[in-house]
Amino acid sequence: MSSEDMDELNISESDGSADTEIAFFYTGSGGGTPGRFHIGVQDDGTLTVKSFTPDATRLLTIEPGGNVGIGTDTPQSALQVSGYLQVDLTSGTPPAGDCDAAAEAGRTKFDDTSDTVYICSGASGWISK
């Protein structure tokens, strides 16, 4: 097997920056453009995943307190997404069995044929907007 068909994992010591590099992945199989990612831990314990590009775009942030950010460095909620959030599509009302318990409250589907958003209200079932 050639090195082009394998992924590499390198572990290195801190380079003295705010982030301590703990892993670097290189995927170059198939002859396409390799993807490079930096996974690091900041001094405050925040775990980060960045693209390995000149601007080191942060893709994912997990803070010690539990907040998760996708595309943001400083998530202000349990989950904060910078950009669009896309939910699964449905055709008509989603199945009742997918929204019949309190723990399922908040699930969301979108019916693109009727432009209707369905939100699970828990044991009370689906509501549409």
N, C-alpha and C. Protein backbone atom coordinates (compact mmCIF):
# COMPACT_ATOMS: atom_id res chain seq x y z
N MET A 1 0.86 -1.18 0.00
CA MET A 1 0.00 0.00 0.00
C MET A 1 0.89 1.23 0.00
N SER A 2 0.60 2.16 -0.88
CA SER A 2 1.41 3.37 -0.95
C SER A 2 0.97 4.37 0.10
N SER A 3 1.82 5.33 0.39
CA SER A 3 1.50 6.35 1.39
C SER A 3 0.32 7.21 0.94
N GLU A 4 0.04 7.25 -0.36
CA GLU A 4 -1.09 8.04 -0.84
C GLU A 4 -2.43 7.41 -0.46
N ASP A 5 -2.42 6.12 -0.14
CA ASP A 5 -3.65 5.42 0.21
C ASP A 5 -3.90 5.39 1.71
N MET A 6 -3.02 5.97 2.50
CA MET A 6 -3.14 5.88 3.95
C MET A 6 -3.35 7.26 4.55
N ASP A 7 -4.00 7.27 5.70
CA ASP A 7 -4.12 8.47 6.50
C ASP A 7 -2.95 8.50 7.46
N GLU A 8 -2.52 9.70 7.81
CA GLU A 8 -1.42 9.84 8.74
C GLU A 8 -1.89 10.52 10.00
N LEU A 9 -1.31 10.15 11.11
CA LEU A 9 -1.59 10.78 12.38
C LEU A 9 -0.26 11.14 13.01
N ASN A 10 -0.07 12.42 13.24
CA ASN A 10 1.16 12.90 13.88
C ASN A 10 0.78 13.55 15.19
N ILE A 11 1.48 13.24 16.25
CA ILE A 11 1.26 13.86 17.55
C ILE A 11 2.51 14.64 17.88
N SER A 12 2.33 15.90 18.25
CA SER A 12 3.49 16.72 18.53
C SER A 12 3.28 17.51 19.80
N GLU A 13 4.36 18.09 20.28
CA GLU A 13 4.32 18.92 21.48
C GLU A 13 3.80 20.30 21.13
N SER A 14 3.50 21.07 22.15
CA SER A 14 3.04 22.44 21.97
C SER A 14 4.10 23.24 21.22
N ASP A 15 3.66 24.10 20.35
CA ASP A 15 4.59 24.97 19.63
C ASP A 15 4.69 26.34 20.28
N GLY A 16 4.08 26.48 21.48
CA GLY A 16 4.14 27.74 22.20
C GLY A 16 3.02 28.69 21.87
N SER A 17 2.15 28.31 20.93
CA SER A 17 1.02 29.18 20.59
C SER A 17 -0.10 28.94 21.59
N ALA A 18 -1.20 29.64 21.40
CA ALA A 18 -2.35 29.49 22.30
C ALA A 18 -2.94 28.09 22.20
N ASP A 19 -2.77 27.44 21.06
CA ASP A 19 -3.28 26.09 20.87
C ASP A 19 -2.15 25.08 20.99
N THR A 20 -2.43 23.98 21.64
CA THR A 20 -1.50 22.86 21.69
C THR A 20 -1.96 21.85 20.66
N GLU A 21 -1.12 21.56 19.70
CA GLU A 21 -1.49 20.62 18.66
C GLU A 21 -1.48 19.22 19.21
N ILE A 22 -2.60 18.51 19.06
CA ILE A 22 -2.62 17.13 19.53
C ILE A 22 -2.76 16.15 18.38
N ALA A 23 -3.18 16.62 17.22
CA ALA A 23 -3.31 15.71 16.09
C ALA A 23 -3.37 16.49 14.79
N PHE A 24 -2.87 15.85 13.75
CA PHE A 24 -2.90 16.44 12.42
C PHE A 24 -3.23 15.31 11.47
N PHE A 25 -4.31 15.44 10.71
CA PHE A 25 -4.75 14.39 9.82
C PHE A 25 -4.53 14.81 8.38
N TYR A 26 -4.10 13.88 7.58
CA TYR A 26 -3.88 14.13 6.17
C TYR A 26 -4.53 12.98 5.41
N THR A 27 -5.49 13.31 4.56
CA THR A 27 -6.16 12.29 3.78
C THR A 27 -5.89 12.57 2.33
N GLY A 28 -5.15 11.69 1.69
CA GLY A 28 -4.78 11.93 0.31
C GLY A 28 -5.10 10.78 -0.62
N SER A 29 -6.01 9.90 -0.23
CA SER A 29 -6.32 8.76 -1.08
C SER A 29 -7.15 9.19 -2.28
N GLY A 30 -7.08 8.43 -3.33
CA GLY A 30 -7.89 8.70 -4.51
C GLY A 30 -7.31 9.74 -5.44
N GLY A 31 -6.17 10.30 -5.12
CA GLY A 31 -5.53 11.25 -6.01
C GLY A 31 -6.13 12.64 -5.99
N GLY A 32 -7.13 12.89 -5.14
CA GLY A 32 -7.72 14.22 -5.06
C GLY A 32 -6.92 15.14 -4.16
N THR A 33 -7.45 16.31 -3.92
CA THR A 33 -6.81 17.27 -3.04
C THR A 33 -6.91 16.78 -1.60
N PRO A 34 -5.80 16.67 -0.91
CA PRO A 34 -5.85 16.17 0.47
C PRO A 34 -6.54 17.16 1.40
N GLY A 35 -7.22 16.62 2.41
CA GLY A 35 -7.83 17.44 3.44
C GLY A 35 -6.94 17.44 4.66
N ARG A 36 -6.72 18.58 5.25
CA ARG A 36 -5.85 18.68 6.40
C ARG A 36 -6.61 19.36 7.52
N PHE A 37 -6.50 18.80 8.71
CA PHE A 37 -7.20 19.34 9.86
C PHE A 37 -6.28 19.38 11.06
N HIS A 38 -6.43 20.41 11.85
CA HIS A 38 -5.67 20.58 13.08
C HIS A 38 -6.65 20.42 14.22
N ILE A 39 -6.36 19.52 15.14
CA ILE A 39 -7.17 19.34 16.34
C ILE A 39 -6.30 19.78 17.49
N GLY A 40 -6.77 20.74 18.25
CA GLY A 40 -5.95 21.29 19.31
C GLY A 40 -6.74 21.61 20.54
N VAL A 41 -6.02 21.91 21.60
CA VAL A 41 -6.61 22.31 22.86
C VAL A 41 -6.02 23.65 23.26
N GLN A 42 -6.89 24.63 23.52
CA GLN A 42 -6.42 25.93 23.95
C GLN A 42 -6.07 25.87 25.43
N ASP A 43 -5.42 26.92 25.91
CA ASP A 43 -5.00 26.98 27.31
C ASP A 43 -6.16 26.83 28.28
N ASP A 44 -7.38 27.28 27.89
CA ASP A 44 -8.53 27.17 28.79
C ASP A 44 -9.24 25.83 28.70
N GLY A 45 -8.72 24.89 27.90
CA GLY A 45 -9.31 23.56 27.77
C GLY A 45 -10.27 23.41 26.61
N THR A 46 -10.48 24.47 25.83
CA THR A 46 -11.38 24.41 24.68
C THR A 46 -10.76 23.54 23.59
N LEU A 47 -11.53 22.57 23.11
CA LEU A 47 -11.10 21.71 22.01
C LEU A 47 -11.50 22.37 20.71
N THR A 48 -10.59 22.42 19.75
CA THR A 48 -10.88 23.05 18.47
C THR A 48 -10.50 22.13 17.31
N VAL A 49 -11.26 22.23 16.25
CA VAL A 49 -10.91 21.58 14.98
C VAL A 49 -10.86 22.69 13.96
N LYS A 50 -9.73 22.81 13.28
CA LYS A 50 -9.54 23.87 12.30
C LYS A 50 -9.15 23.26 10.96
N SER A 51 -9.49 23.99 9.90
CA SER A 51 -8.97 23.60 8.59
C SER A 51 -7.51 24.01 8.56
N PHE A 52 -6.70 23.24 7.89
CA PHE A 52 -5.28 23.56 7.81
C PHE A 52 -5.07 24.40 6.55
N THR A 53 -5.51 25.64 6.64
CA THR A 53 -5.39 26.60 5.55
C THR A 53 -4.64 27.80 6.10
N PRO A 54 -4.24 28.72 5.25
CA PRO A 54 -3.50 29.88 5.75
C PRO A 54 -4.25 30.66 6.85
N ASP A 55 -5.59 30.71 6.77
CA ASP A 55 -6.33 31.45 7.81
C ASP A 55 -6.78 30.56 8.97
N ALA A 56 -6.48 29.26 8.91
CA ALA A 56 -6.81 28.30 9.97
C ALA A 56 -8.26 28.45 10.43
N THR A 57 -9.19 28.38 9.49
CA THR A 57 -10.61 28.53 9.78
C THR A 57 -11.05 27.52 10.83
N ARG A 58 -11.69 28.03 11.89
CA ARG A 58 -12.17 27.13 12.94
C ARG A 58 -13.48 26.51 12.47
N LEU A 59 -13.53 25.18 12.47
CA LEU A 59 -14.70 24.45 12.02
C LEU A 59 -15.59 24.04 13.18
N LEU A 60 -14.96 23.68 14.31
CA LEU A 60 -15.71 23.17 15.46
C LEU A 60 -15.02 23.62 16.74
N THR A 61 -15.83 24.03 17.71
CA THR A 61 -15.33 24.44 19.01
C THR A 61 -16.14 23.71 20.08
N ILE A 62 -15.47 23.08 21.02
CA ILE A 62 -16.15 22.47 22.16
C ILE A 62 -15.53 23.07 23.41
N GLU A 63 -16.33 23.85 24.13
CA GLU A 63 -15.84 24.54 25.32
C GLU A 63 -15.93 23.62 26.55
N PRO A 64 -15.08 23.84 27.55
CA PRO A 64 -15.11 23.01 28.76
C PRO A 64 -16.48 22.99 29.44
N GLY A 65 -17.25 24.07 29.34
CA GLY A 65 -18.57 24.12 29.95
C GLY A 65 -19.64 23.37 29.17
N GLY A 66 -19.30 22.88 27.97
CA GLY A 66 -20.23 22.09 27.19
C GLY A 66 -20.78 22.76 25.95
N ASN A 67 -20.62 24.08 25.80
CA ASN A 67 -21.12 24.73 24.59
C ASN A 67 -20.35 24.25 23.37
N VAL A 68 -21.07 24.04 22.27
CA VAL A 68 -20.48 23.57 21.02
C VAL A 68 -20.77 24.60 19.94
N GLY A 69 -19.75 24.96 19.20
CA GLY A 69 -19.92 25.91 18.10
C GLY A 69 -19.48 25.29 16.80
N ILE A 70 -20.28 25.46 15.78
CA ILE A 70 -19.92 25.04 14.43
C ILE A 70 -19.75 26.31 13.62
N GLY A 71 -18.52 26.58 13.21
CA GLY A 71 -18.23 27.79 12.45
C GLY A 71 -18.12 29.04 13.31
N THR A 72 -18.05 28.89 14.62
CA THR A 72 -17.89 30.03 15.51
C THR A 72 -16.86 29.69 16.59
N ASP A 73 -16.08 30.69 16.98
CA ASP A 73 -15.05 30.50 17.99
C ASP A 73 -15.60 30.57 19.41
N THR A 74 -16.72 31.26 19.59
CA THR A 74 -17.25 31.51 20.93
C THR A 74 -18.74 31.21 21.01
N PRO A 75 -19.12 29.93 21.06
CA PRO A 75 -20.54 29.60 21.12
C PRO A 75 -21.18 30.12 22.41
N GLN A 76 -22.34 30.73 22.27
CA GLN A 76 -23.05 31.32 23.40
C GLN A 76 -24.19 30.42 23.91
N SER A 77 -24.39 29.26 23.28
CA SER A 77 -25.46 28.35 23.64
C SER A 77 -24.93 26.92 23.61
N ALA A 78 -25.76 25.98 24.05
CA ALA A 78 -25.35 24.57 24.02
C ALA A 78 -24.90 24.17 22.62
N LEU A 79 -25.59 24.69 21.59
CA LEU A 79 -25.18 24.50 20.20
C LEU A 79 -25.43 25.80 19.46
N GLN A 80 -24.39 26.34 18.86
CA GLN A 80 -24.51 27.54 18.04
C GLN A 80 -23.90 27.24 16.69
N VAL A 81 -24.67 27.50 15.64
CA VAL A 81 -24.23 27.26 14.28
C VAL A 81 -24.13 28.59 13.56
N SER A 82 -22.97 28.86 12.98
CA SER A 82 -22.79 30.06 12.18
C SER A 82 -23.10 29.69 10.74
N GLY A 83 -24.13 30.27 10.21
CA GLY A 83 -24.56 29.93 8.86
C GLY A 83 -25.92 29.25 8.90
N TYR A 84 -26.25 28.54 7.87
CA TYR A 84 -27.55 27.89 7.78
C TYR A 84 -27.57 26.59 8.57
N LEU A 85 -28.73 26.27 9.10
CA LEU A 85 -28.99 24.97 9.73
C LEU A 85 -30.04 24.29 8.88
N GLN A 86 -29.76 23.12 8.38
CA GLN A 86 -30.68 22.43 7.49
C GLN A 86 -31.22 21.21 8.20
N VAL A 87 -32.55 21.05 8.17
CA VAL A 87 -33.18 19.90 8.80
C VAL A 87 -33.67 18.94 7.72
N ASP A 88 -33.96 17.71 8.15
CA ASP A 88 -34.46 16.71 7.22
C ASP A 88 -35.79 17.12 6.60
N LEU A 89 -36.00 16.66 5.38
CA LEU A 89 -37.24 16.92 4.68
C LEU A 89 -38.23 15.79 4.94
N THR A 90 -39.50 16.11 4.84
CA THR A 90 -40.56 15.12 4.95
C THR A 90 -41.58 15.41 3.87
N SER A 91 -42.42 14.47 3.59
CA SER A 91 -43.54 14.67 2.67
C SER A 91 -44.80 14.44 3.49
N GLY A 92 -45.42 15.52 3.90
CA GLY A 92 -46.57 15.42 4.80
C GLY A 92 -46.11 15.38 6.24
N THR A 93 -47.05 15.19 7.15
CA THR A 93 -46.74 15.15 8.57
C THR A 93 -45.80 13.99 8.87
N PRO A 94 -44.73 14.22 9.65
CA PRO A 94 -43.84 13.12 10.02
C PRO A 94 -44.60 12.07 10.83
N PRO A 95 -44.07 10.85 10.93
CA PRO A 95 -44.75 9.78 11.66
C PRO A 95 -45.02 10.15 13.13
N ALA A 96 -46.20 9.83 13.62
CA ALA A 96 -46.59 10.14 15.00
C ALA A 96 -45.63 9.49 16.00
N GLY A 97 -45.12 8.32 15.66
CA GLY A 97 -44.20 7.62 16.55
C GLY A 97 -42.87 8.33 16.75
N ASP A 98 -42.57 9.30 15.88
CA ASP A 98 -41.34 10.08 16.01
C ASP A 98 -41.52 11.26 16.95
N CYS A 99 -42.74 11.44 17.48
CA CYS A 99 -43.02 12.58 18.35
C CYS A 99 -44.11 12.20 19.35
N ASP A 100 -43.81 11.24 20.20
CA ASP A 100 -44.81 10.80 21.17
C ASP A 100 -44.25 10.69 22.58
N ALA A 101 -43.12 11.37 22.82
CA ALA A 101 -42.51 11.34 24.15
C ALA A 101 -41.89 12.70 24.45
N ALA A 102 -41.87 13.07 25.71
CA ALA A 102 -41.34 14.37 26.13
C ALA A 102 -39.89 14.56 25.67
N ALA A 103 -39.10 13.49 25.67
CA ALA A 103 -37.69 13.58 25.29
C ALA A 103 -37.51 13.92 23.81
N GLU A 104 -38.55 13.80 23.00
CA GLU A 104 -38.46 14.08 21.57
C GLU A 104 -38.85 15.52 21.22
N ALA A 105 -39.26 16.29 22.22
CA ALA A 105 -39.68 17.68 21.98
C ALA A 105 -38.56 18.47 21.32
N GLY A 106 -38.92 19.26 20.32
CA GLY A 106 -37.95 20.09 19.61
C GLY A 106 -37.50 19.52 18.29
N ARG A 107 -37.76 18.24 18.05
CA ARG A 107 -37.41 17.68 16.75
C ARG A 107 -38.10 18.50 15.67
N THR A 108 -37.44 18.65 14.55
CA THR A 108 -37.98 19.51 13.49
C THR A 108 -37.83 18.83 12.14
N LYS A 109 -38.85 18.96 11.31
CA LYS A 109 -38.83 18.49 9.92
C LYS A 109 -39.44 19.59 9.06
N PHE A 110 -39.12 19.58 7.79
CA PHE A 110 -39.66 20.56 6.86
C PHE A 110 -40.24 19.84 5.65
N ASP A 111 -41.50 20.15 5.33
CA ASP A 111 -42.16 19.61 4.14
C ASP A 111 -42.00 20.63 3.03
N ASP A 112 -41.11 20.35 2.09
CA ASP A 112 -40.83 21.31 1.02
C ASP A 112 -41.89 21.33 -0.07
N THR A 113 -42.84 20.40 -0.03
CA THR A 113 -43.92 20.43 -1.01
C THR A 113 -45.05 21.38 -0.58
N SER A 114 -45.19 21.60 0.74
CA SER A 114 -46.25 22.49 1.23
C SER A 114 -45.69 23.68 2.00
N ASP A 115 -44.35 23.80 2.05
CA ASP A 115 -43.68 24.87 2.81
C ASP A 115 -44.17 24.91 4.26
N THR A 116 -44.19 23.74 4.89
CA THR A 116 -44.66 23.61 6.27
C THR A 116 -43.53 23.11 7.16
N VAL A 117 -43.36 23.76 8.30
CA VAL A 117 -42.39 23.33 9.30
C VAL A 117 -43.14 22.55 10.37
N TYR A 118 -42.65 21.37 10.70
CA TYR A 118 -43.23 20.55 11.76
C TYR A 118 -42.27 20.54 12.94
N ILE A 119 -42.80 20.84 14.12
CA ILE A 119 -42.01 20.85 15.34
C ILE A 119 -42.68 19.92 16.34
N CYS A 120 -41.89 19.04 16.92
CA CYS A 120 -42.43 18.10 17.90
C CYS A 120 -42.62 18.82 19.23
N SER A 121 -43.82 18.75 19.77
CA SER A 121 -44.08 19.38 21.07
C SER A 121 -44.05 18.35 22.19
N GLY A 122 -43.43 17.22 21.92
CA GLY A 122 -43.33 16.17 22.94
C GLY A 122 -44.50 15.23 22.86
N ALA A 123 -44.98 14.79 24.00
CA ALA A 123 -46.06 13.82 24.05
C ALA A 123 -47.34 14.33 23.39
N SER A 124 -47.45 15.64 23.16
CA SER A 124 -48.64 16.20 22.49
C SER A 124 -48.61 16.04 20.99
N GLY A 125 -47.51 15.65 20.41
CA GLY A 125 -47.42 15.41 18.97
C GLY A 125 -46.86 16.58 18.20
N TRP A 126 -46.96 16.47 16.89
CA TRP A 126 -46.42 17.46 15.97
C TRP A 126 -47.31 18.69 15.88
N ILE A 127 -46.68 19.87 15.81
CA ILE A 127 -47.40 21.09 15.48
C ILE A 127 -46.81 21.60 14.17
N SER A 128 -47.59 22.32 13.40
CA SER A 128 -47.09 22.81 12.10
C SER A 128 -47.21 24.31 12.04
N LYS A 129 -46.28 24.90 11.34
CA LYS A 129 -46.24 26.36 11.16
C LYS A 129 -46.05 26.66 9.69
